[in-house]
């Protein structure tokens, strides 16, 4: 029998080309993409984690501001005569505002004196911060005729106001306007609010918000209580005998 045809064995397949990356199996493009992602994430984290204290401009500190308790309205103006401090009695007729000793407080009785009216409340944070300024300024100016009337509004009871005045040793006039009659009469919408009157009862300055010692002094100067002048030194003795002396 004839021999069977010989079949050549199949050639072995060529080995696949081995891909070598920049680092292990990763290509340069993959590494660049990953690095860019890391940089972006790090930048975002750096922005959102900056301490708040580092953001404000240096030299600027937060200051207490007025506490609004109603919509802003057009109030009294400089040059107006200040309305009398009146409330509505139980029968609806006008009655004088009373201080903590139940004595009437009338602007008519204060004519001839510069008057500082401060609308405030014992629960109002900026009013609390301002209390030492009122106390110390009144102590410095009372001998010069200053009348300071602090009208407390939106309090629960007169006893709350009385307790606050006693706790902080307030010696100026404090009155509780529980129903807000004087508050509305003066068209006030925020606490504290300051109204400075001259000796004739004319409004010379209005401050919407708390005052510091310098601001208080500047506004008191507008109502006739400027800086005190130093006393003149006594005239030097001349050594001459008085008239009629032997």
C-alpha atoms as a PDB file:
ATOM      1  CA  UNK A   1       0.000   0.000   0.000  1.00  0.00           C
ATOM      2  CA  UNK A   2       1.259   3.387  -0.728  1.00  0.00           C
ATOM      3  CA  UNK A   3       2.438   5.363   2.236  1.00  0.00           C
ATOM      4  CA  UNK A   4       0.001   7.910   3.772  1.00  0.00           C
ATOM      5  CA  UNK A   5       0.924  11.506   3.056  1.00  0.00           C
ATOM      6  CA  UNK A   6       2.909  13.169   5.808  1.00  0.00           C
ATOM      7  CA  UNK A   7       1.331  16.223   7.382  1.00  0.00           C
ATOM      8  CA  UNK A   8       3.640  18.872   8.685  1.00  0.00           C
ATOM      9  CA  UNK A   9       2.945  19.833  12.315  1.00  0.00           C
ATOM     10  CA  UNK A  10       1.275  23.247  12.713  1.00  0.00           C
ATOM     11  CA  UNK A  11       3.584  26.087  13.497  1.00  0.00           C
ATOM     12  CA  UNK A  12       3.338  27.331  17.090  1.00  0.00           C
ATOM     13  CA  UNK A  13       1.478  30.654  17.463  1.00  0.00           C
ATOM     14  CA  UNK A  14       3.540  33.738  17.863  1.00  0.00           C
ATOM     15  CA  UNK A  15       3.636  35.030  21.444  1.00  0.00           C
ATOM     16  CA  UNK A  16       1.447  38.034  22.096  1.00  0.00           C
ATOM     17  CA  UNK A  17       3.276  41.346  22.325  1.00  0.00           C
ATOM     18  CA  UNK A  18       3.993  42.175  25.920  1.00  0.00           C
ATOM     19  CA  UNK A  19       2.836  45.749  26.838  1.00  0.00           C
ATOM     20  CA  UNK A  20       5.030  47.509  29.316  1.00  0.00           C
ATOM     21  CA  UNK A  21       3.700  50.574  31.089  1.00  0.00           C
ATOM     22  CA  UNK A  22       5.496  53.416  32.809  1.00  0.00           C
ATOM     23  CA  UNK A  23       4.874  51.774  36.182  1.00  0.00           C
ATOM     24  CA  UNK A  24       3.743  48.189  36.078  1.00  0.00           C
ATOM     25  CA  UNK A  25       0.643  47.809  33.941  1.00  0.00           C
ATOM     26  CA  UNK A  26      -0.205  51.562  34.027  1.00  0.00           C
ATOM     27  CA  UNK A  27       0.561  53.804  31.120  1.00  0.00           C
ATOM     28  CA  UNK A  28       1.791  57.337  31.347  1.00  0.00           C
ATOM     29  CA  UNK A  29      -1.613  58.666  30.287  1.00  0.00           C
ATOM     30  CA  UNK A  30      -3.383  56.743  33.059  1.00  0.00           C
ATOM     31  CA  UNK A  31      -0.938  58.015  35.660  1.00  0.00           C
ATOM     32  CA  UNK A  32      -1.307  61.620  34.470  1.00  0.00           C
ATOM     33  CA  UNK A  33      -5.110  61.376  34.681  1.00  0.00           C
ATOM     34  CA  UNK A  34      -4.973  59.956  38.213  1.00  0.00           C
ATOM     35  CA  UNK A  35      -2.499  62.620  39.330  1.00  0.00           C
ATOM     36  CA  UNK A  36      -4.685  65.396  37.940  1.00  0.00           C
ATOM     37  CA  UNK A  37      -7.698  64.037  39.819  1.00  0.00           C
ATOM     38  CA  UNK A  38      -5.740  63.988  43.080  1.00  0.00           C
ATOM     39  CA  UNK A  39      -4.604  67.587  42.576  1.00  0.00           C
ATOM     40  CA  UNK A  40      -8.168  68.808  41.923  1.00  0.00           C
ATOM     41  CA  UNK A  41      -9.572  67.023  44.988  1.00  0.00           C
ATOM     42  CA  UNK A  42      -6.756  68.422  47.162  1.00  0.00           C
ATOM     43  CA  UNK A  43      -7.471  71.965  45.942  1.00  0.00           C
ATOM     44  CA  UNK A  44     -11.179  71.658  46.750  1.00  0.00           C
ATOM     45  CA  UNK A  45     -10.423  70.342  50.239  1.00  0.00           C
ATOM     46  CA  UNK A  46      -7.991  73.191  50.864  1.00  0.00           C
ATOM     47  CA  UNK A  47     -10.670  75.771  50.035  1.00  0.00           C
ATOM     48  CA  UNK A  48     -13.494  74.296  52.078  1.00  0.00           C
ATOM     49  CA  UNK A  49     -11.362  73.638  55.146  1.00  0.00           C
ATOM     50  CA  UNK A  50      -9.891  77.150  55.528  1.00  0.00           C
ATOM     51  CA  UNK A  51     -10.635  78.337  59.114  1.00  0.00           C
ATOM     52  CA  UNK A  52     -13.391  80.951  59.269  1.00  0.00           C
ATOM     53  CA  UNK A  53     -11.255  83.160  61.481  1.00  0.00           C
ATOM     54  CA  UNK A  54      -8.797  83.647  58.656  1.00  0.00           C
ATOM     55  CA  UNK A  55     -11.364  85.124  56.265  1.00  0.00           C
ATOM     56  CA  UNK A  56     -12.259  88.592  57.689  1.00  0.00           C
ATOM     57  CA  UNK A  57      -9.998  91.493  56.921  1.00  0.00           C
ATOM     58  CA  UNK A  58      -7.481  92.183  59.681  1.00  0.00           C
ATOM     59  CA  UNK A  59      -8.389  94.874  62.161  1.00  0.00           C
ATOM     60  CA  UNK A  60     -12.171  94.452  61.790  1.00  0.00           C
ATOM     61  CA  UNK A  61     -14.040  93.048  64.782  1.00  0.00           C
ATOM     62  CA  UNK A  62     -17.784  92.228  64.911  1.00  0.00           C
ATOM     63  CA  UNK A  63     -19.866  94.884  66.626  1.00  0.00           C
ATOM     64  CA  UNK A  64     -23.289  94.631  68.261  1.00  0.00           C
ATOM     65  CA  UNK A  65     -26.075  95.813  66.001  1.00  0.00           C
ATOM     66  CA  UNK A  66     -29.688  96.835  66.435  1.00  0.00           C
ATOM     67  CA  UNK A  67     -32.216  94.073  67.128  1.00  0.00           C
ATOM     68  CA  UNK A  68     -35.214  94.662  64.841  1.00  0.00           C
ATOM     69  CA  UNK A  69     -38.580  93.844  66.417  1.00  0.00           C
ATOM     70  CA  UNK A  70     -40.796  95.233  63.695  1.00  0.00           C
ATOM     71  CA  UNK A  71     -40.786  96.444  60.082  1.00  0.00           C
ATOM     72  CA  UNK A  72     -38.704  99.533  59.375  1.00  0.00           C
ATOM     73  CA  UNK A  73     -40.864 102.649  59.381  1.00  0.00           C
ATOM     74  CA  UNK A  74     -40.166 106.335  58.976  1.00  0.00           C
ATOM     75  CA  UNK A  75     -39.677 107.607  62.481  1.00  0.00           C
ATOM     76  CA  UNK A  76     -39.191 110.973  64.090  1.00  0.00           C
ATOM     77  CA  UNK A  77     -36.667 113.344  62.584  1.00  0.00           C
ATOM     78  CA  UNK A  78     -33.975 115.618  63.894  1.00  0.00           C
ATOM     79  CA  UNK A  79     -35.592 118.991  64.507  1.00  0.00           C
ATOM     80  CA  UNK A  80     -38.943 117.533  65.643  1.00  0.00           C
ATOM     81  CA  UNK A  81     -40.246 118.239  69.092  1.00  0.00           C
ATOM     82  CA  UNK A  82     -40.180 114.966  71.023  1.00  0.00           C
ATOM     83  CA  UNK A  83     -43.648 113.642  71.874  1.00  0.00           C
ATOM     84  CA  UNK A  84     -44.584 113.388  75.529  1.00  0.00           C
ATOM     85  CA  UNK A  85     -43.920 110.019  77.180  1.00  0.00           C
ATOM     86  CA  UNK A  86     -47.533 108.910  77.407  1.00  0.00           C
ATOM     87  CA  UNK A  87     -49.252 105.554  77.618  1.00  0.00           C
ATOM     88  CA  UNK A  88     -52.936 104.645  77.457  1.00  0.00           C
ATOM     89  CA  UNK A  89     -54.641 104.239  80.791  1.00  0.00           C
ATOM     90  CA  UNK A  90     -57.090 101.486  81.632  1.00  0.00           C
ATOM     91  CA  UNK A  91     -59.921 103.667  80.377  1.00  0.00           C
ATOM     92  CA  UNK A  92     -58.131 104.436  77.117  1.00  0.00           C
ATOM     93  CA  UNK A  93     -57.216 107.996  78.030  1.00  0.00           C
ATOM     94  CA  UNK A  94     -53.599 109.267  77.887  1.00  0.00           C
ATOM     95  CA  UNK A  95     -51.578 108.787  81.058  1.00  0.00           C
ATOM     96  CA  UNK A  96     -47.932 109.523  81.895  1.00  0.00           C
ATOM     97  CA  UNK A  97     -45.324 106.803  81.648  1.00  0.00           C
ATOM     98  CA  UNK A  98     -44.310 105.578  85.108  1.00  0.00           C
ATOM     99  CA  UNK A  99     -40.829 104.781  86.357  1.00  0.00           C
ATOM    100  CA  UNK A 100     -40.009 101.738  88.493  1.00  0.00           C
ATOM    101  CA  UNK A 101     -41.073 103.617  91.622  1.00  0.00           C
ATOM    102  CA  UNK A 102     -44.481 104.372  89.995  1.00  0.00           C
ATOM    103  CA  UNK A 103     -43.617 108.063  89.634  1.00  0.00           C
ATOM    104  CA  UNK A 104     -44.677 109.816  86.391  1.00  0.00           C
ATOM    105  CA  UNK A 105     -41.981 110.561  83.839  1.00  0.00           C
ATOM    106  CA  UNK A 106     -42.778 113.729  81.877  1.00  0.00           C
ATOM    107  CA  UNK A 107     -40.587 115.511  79.388  1.00  0.00           C
ATOM    108  CA  UNK A 108     -42.298 118.745  80.465  1.00  0.00           C
ATOM    109  CA  UNK A 109     -40.735 118.272  83.896  1.00  0.00           C
ATOM    110  CA  UNK A 110     -37.299 117.889  82.294  1.00  0.00           C
ATOM    111  CA  UNK A 111     -37.271 121.159  80.366  1.00  0.00           C
ATOM    112  CA  UNK A 112     -33.967 122.921  80.856  1.00  0.00           C
ATOM    113  CA  UNK A 113     -32.100 119.591  80.909  1.00  0.00           C
ATOM    114  CA  UNK A 114     -30.569 117.708  77.981  1.00  0.00           C
ATOM    115  CA  UNK A 115     -32.433 114.394  77.749  1.00  0.00           C
ATOM    116  CA  UNK A 116     -31.250 111.042  76.451  1.00  0.00           C
ATOM    117  CA  UNK A 117     -34.104 108.596  75.770  1.00  0.00           C
ATOM    118  CA  UNK A 118     -32.993 104.995  75.223  1.00  0.00           C
ATOM    119  CA  UNK A 119     -35.477 102.356  74.043  1.00  0.00           C
ATOM    120  CA  UNK A 120     -34.264  98.932  75.155  1.00  0.00           C
ATOM    121  CA  UNK A 121     -35.263  95.579  76.674  1.00  0.00           C
ATOM    122  CA  UNK A 122     -33.697  93.376  79.329  1.00  0.00           C
ATOM    123  CA  UNK A 123     -33.817  90.355  76.971  1.00  0.00           C
ATOM    124  CA  UNK A 124     -32.135  92.198  74.062  1.00  0.00           C
ATOM    125  CA  UNK A 125     -28.429  91.164  73.620  1.00  0.00           C
ATOM    126  CA  UNK A 126     -27.175  94.476  72.139  1.00  0.00           C
ATOM    127  CA  UNK A 127     -29.050  96.325  74.885  1.00  0.00           C
ATOM    128  CA  UNK A 128     -27.356  94.187  77.512  1.00  0.00           C
ATOM    129  CA  UNK A 129     -23.953  94.904  75.985  1.00  0.00           C
ATOM    130  CA  UNK A 130     -24.740  98.618  76.010  1.00  0.00           C
ATOM    131  CA  UNK A 131     -25.884  98.818  79.642  1.00  0.00           C
ATOM    132  CA  UNK A 132     -22.423  99.644  81.088  1.00  0.00           C
ATOM    133  CA  UNK A 133     -22.086 102.529  78.606  1.00  0.00           C
ATOM    134  CA  UNK A 134     -25.372 104.089  79.762  1.00  0.00           C
ATOM    135  CA  UNK A 135     -24.517 103.570  83.421  1.00  0.00           C
ATOM    136  CA  UNK A 136     -21.029 105.051  83.197  1.00  0.00           C
ATOM    137  CA  UNK A 137     -21.996 107.913  80.873  1.00  0.00           C
ATOM    138  CA  UNK A 138     -24.833 108.950  83.168  1.00  0.00           C
ATOM    139  CA  UNK A 139     -22.495 108.883  86.154  1.00  0.00           C
ATOM    140  CA  UNK A 140     -20.103 111.176  84.283  1.00  0.00           C
ATOM    141  CA  UNK A 141     -22.765 113.666  83.099  1.00  0.00           C
ATOM    142  CA  UNK A 142     -25.465 113.696  85.757  1.00  0.00           C
ATOM    143  CA  UNK A 143     -23.840 116.590  87.650  1.00  0.00           C
ATOM    144  CA  UNK A 144     -24.034 118.606  84.427  1.00  0.00           C
ATOM    145  CA  UNK A 145     -27.798 118.153  84.210  1.00  0.00           C
ATOM    146  CA  UNK A 146     -28.205 115.103  81.965  1.00  0.00           C
ATOM    147  CA  UNK A 147     -31.526 113.287  82.301  1.00  0.00           C
ATOM    148  CA  UNK A 148     -31.381 109.717  80.994  1.00  0.00           C
ATOM    149  CA  UNK A 149     -34.700 107.902  80.532  1.00  0.00           C
ATOM    150  CA  UNK A 150     -34.457 104.211  79.591  1.00  0.00           C
ATOM    151  CA  UNK A 151     -37.816 103.004  78.221  1.00  0.00           C
ATOM    152  CA  UNK A 152     -38.030  99.216  78.336  1.00  0.00           C
ATOM    153  CA  UNK A 153     -40.428  97.593  75.857  1.00  0.00           C
ATOM    154  CA  UNK A 154     -41.908  94.141  75.272  1.00  0.00           C
ATOM    155  CA  UNK A 155     -41.203  92.934  78.796  1.00  0.00           C
ATOM    156  CA  UNK A 156     -43.322  90.340  80.563  1.00  0.00           C
ATOM    157  CA  UNK A 157     -43.667  92.253  83.826  1.00  0.00           C
ATOM    158  CA  UNK A 158     -42.393  95.380  85.516  1.00  0.00           C
ATOM    159  CA  UNK A 159     -40.695  93.087  88.044  1.00  0.00           C
ATOM    160  CA  UNK A 160     -38.424  91.755  85.274  1.00  0.00           C
ATOM    161  CA  UNK A 161     -37.282  95.290  84.495  1.00  0.00           C
ATOM    162  CA  UNK A 162     -36.916  96.117  88.193  1.00  0.00           C
ATOM    163  CA  UNK A 163     -34.760  93.029  88.767  1.00  0.00           C
ATOM    164  CA  UNK A 164     -32.493  93.947  85.854  1.00  0.00           C
ATOM    165  CA  UNK A 165     -32.061  97.529  87.073  1.00  0.00           C
ATOM    166  CA  UNK A 166     -31.251  96.331  90.593  1.00  0.00           C
ATOM    167  CA  UNK A 167     -28.804  93.681  89.397  1.00  0.00           C
ATOM    168  CA  UNK A 168     -26.723  96.182  87.436  1.00  0.00           C
ATOM    169  CA  UNK A 169     -27.114  99.162  89.754  1.00  0.00           C
ATOM    170  CA  UNK A 170     -28.856 101.473  87.280  1.00  0.00           C
ATOM    171  CA  UNK A 171     -29.333 104.897  88.842  1.00  0.00           C
ATOM    172  CA  UNK A 172     -30.860 106.650  85.848  1.00  0.00           C
ATOM    173  CA  UNK A 173     -34.611 106.687  85.223  1.00  0.00           C
ATOM    174  CA  UNK A 174     -35.965 103.345  84.024  1.00  0.00           C
ATOM    175  CA  UNK A 175     -39.569 102.900  82.907  1.00  0.00           C
ATOM    176  CA  UNK A 176     -41.469  99.895  81.585  1.00  0.00           C
ATOM    177  CA  UNK A 177     -43.605 100.466  78.492  1.00  0.00           C
ATOM    178  CA  UNK A 178     -45.244  97.045  78.662  1.00  0.00           C
ATOM    179  CA  UNK A 179     -47.946  97.740  76.068  1.00  0.00           C
ATOM    180  CA  UNK A 180     -45.536  99.526  73.705  1.00  0.00           C
ATOM    181  CA  UNK A 181     -47.486 102.795  73.698  1.00  0.00           C
ATOM    182  CA  UNK A 182     -44.440 105.062  73.882  1.00  0.00           C
ATOM    183  CA  UNK A 183     -42.569 102.744  71.521  1.00  0.00           C
ATOM    184  CA  UNK A 184     -45.235 103.239  68.841  1.00  0.00           C
ATOM    185  CA  UNK A 185     -45.625 106.945  69.612  1.00  0.00           C
ATOM    186  CA  UNK A 186     -41.944 107.412  68.782  1.00  0.00           C
ATOM    187  CA  UNK A 187     -42.228 105.071  65.752  1.00  0.00           C
ATOM    188  CA  UNK A 188     -39.336 102.898  66.897  1.00  0.00           C
ATOM    189  CA  UNK A 189     -38.778  99.526  65.193  1.00  0.00           C
ATOM    190  CA  UNK A 190     -35.505  98.224  66.647  1.00  0.00           C
ATOM    191  CA  UNK A 191     -33.662  97.944  69.949  1.00  0.00           C
ATOM    192  CA  UNK A 192     -31.795  99.760  71.184  1.00  0.00           C
ATOM    193  CA  UNK A 193     -32.745 103.145  69.734  1.00  0.00           C
ATOM    194  CA  UNK A 194     -31.370 106.403  71.128  1.00  0.00           C
ATOM    195  CA  UNK A 195     -33.057 109.826  70.962  1.00  0.00           C
ATOM    196  CA  UNK A 196     -31.147 112.893  72.181  1.00  0.00           C
ATOM    197  CA  UNK A 197     -33.102 116.042  73.097  1.00  0.00           C
ATOM    198  CA  UNK A 198     -31.811 119.496  73.849  1.00  0.00           C
ATOM    199  CA  UNK A 199     -32.949 121.499  76.863  1.00  0.00           C
ATOM    200  CA  UNK A 200     -36.029 122.666  74.939  1.00  0.00           C
ATOM    201  CA  UNK A 201     -37.204 119.162  74.072  1.00  0.00           C
ATOM    202  CA  UNK A 202     -36.102 119.298  70.407  1.00  0.00           C
ATOM    203  CA  UNK A 203     -34.590 116.153  68.889  1.00  0.00           C
ATOM    204  CA  UNK A 204     -30.970 116.812  67.928  1.00  0.00           C
ATOM    205  CA  UNK A 205     -29.784 113.264  67.226  1.00  0.00           C
ATOM    206  CA  UNK A 206     -31.181 109.762  66.678  1.00  0.00           C
ATOM    207  CA  UNK A 207     -29.037 106.611  66.774  1.00  0.00           C
ATOM    208  CA  UNK A 208     -30.436 103.339  65.461  1.00  0.00           C
ATOM    209  CA  UNK A 209     -28.490 100.824  67.516  1.00  0.00           C
ATOM    210  CA  UNK A 210     -26.177 100.595  70.524  1.00  0.00           C
ATOM    211  CA  UNK A 211     -23.614 103.277  71.347  1.00  0.00           C
ATOM    212  CA  UNK A 212     -20.138 103.145  72.817  1.00  0.00           C
ATOM    213  CA  UNK A 213     -18.681 105.796  75.106  1.00  0.00           C
ATOM    214  CA  UNK A 214     -17.290 107.869  72.225  1.00  0.00           C
ATOM    215  CA  UNK A 215     -20.558 107.835  70.264  1.00  0.00           C
ATOM    216  CA  UNK A 216     -22.545 108.756  73.366  1.00  0.00           C
ATOM    217  CA  UNK A 217     -20.219 111.677  74.102  1.00  0.00           C
ATOM    218  CA  UNK A 218     -20.428 112.928  70.511  1.00  0.00           C
ATOM    219  CA  UNK A 219     -24.238 112.944  70.579  1.00  0.00           C
ATOM    220  CA  UNK A 220     -24.398 114.551  74.009  1.00  0.00           C
ATOM    221  CA  UNK A 221     -22.260 117.357  72.621  1.00  0.00           C
ATOM    222  CA  UNK A 222     -25.073 118.019  70.128  1.00  0.00           C
ATOM    223  CA  UNK A 223     -27.479 118.730  72.999  1.00  0.00           C
ATOM    224  CA  UNK A 224     -25.170 121.080  74.853  1.00  0.00           C
ATOM    225  CA  UNK A 225     -23.006 118.688  76.868  1.00  0.00           C
ATOM    226  CA  UNK A 226     -19.651 119.105  75.165  1.00  0.00           C
ATOM    227  CA  UNK A 227     -16.303 118.348  76.804  1.00  0.00           C
ATOM    228  CA  UNK A 228     -15.783 120.227  80.016  1.00  0.00           C
ATOM    229  CA  UNK A 229     -13.275 123.031  79.866  1.00  0.00           C
ATOM    230  CA  UNK A 230     -10.517 122.918  82.452  1.00  0.00           C
ATOM    231  CA  UNK A 231     -10.915 125.419  85.237  1.00  0.00           C
ATOM    232  CA  UNK A 232      -8.857 128.587  84.845  1.00  0.00           C
ATOM    233  CA  UNK A 233      -5.861 128.666  87.190  1.00  0.00           C
ATOM    234  CA  UNK A 234      -6.044 131.280  89.943  1.00  0.00           C
ATOM    235  CA  UNK A 235      -4.329 134.589  89.214  1.00  0.00           C
ATOM    236  CA  UNK A 236      -0.857 134.773  90.704  1.00  0.00           C
ATOM    237  CA  UNK A 237      -0.446 136.968  93.752  1.00  0.00           C
ATOM    238  CA  UNK A 238       1.091 140.363  92.980  1.00  0.00           C
ATOM    239  CA  UNK A 239       2.386 141.044  96.444  1.00  0.00           C
ATOM    240  CA  UNK A 240       0.613 144.436  96.537  1.00  0.00           C
ATOM    241  CA  UNK A 241      -1.481 145.250  99.624  1.00  0.00           C
ATOM    242  CA  UNK A 242      -5.217 145.439  99.208  1.00  0.00           C
ATOM    243  CA  UNK A 243      -6.858 148.822  98.879  1.00  0.00           C
ATOM    244  CA  UNK A 244      -7.294 150.452 102.273  1.00  0.00           C
ATOM    245  CA  UNK A 245      -4.537 148.430 103.908  1.00  0.00           C
ATOM    246  CA  UNK A 246      -2.215 150.393 106.149  1.00  0.00           C
END
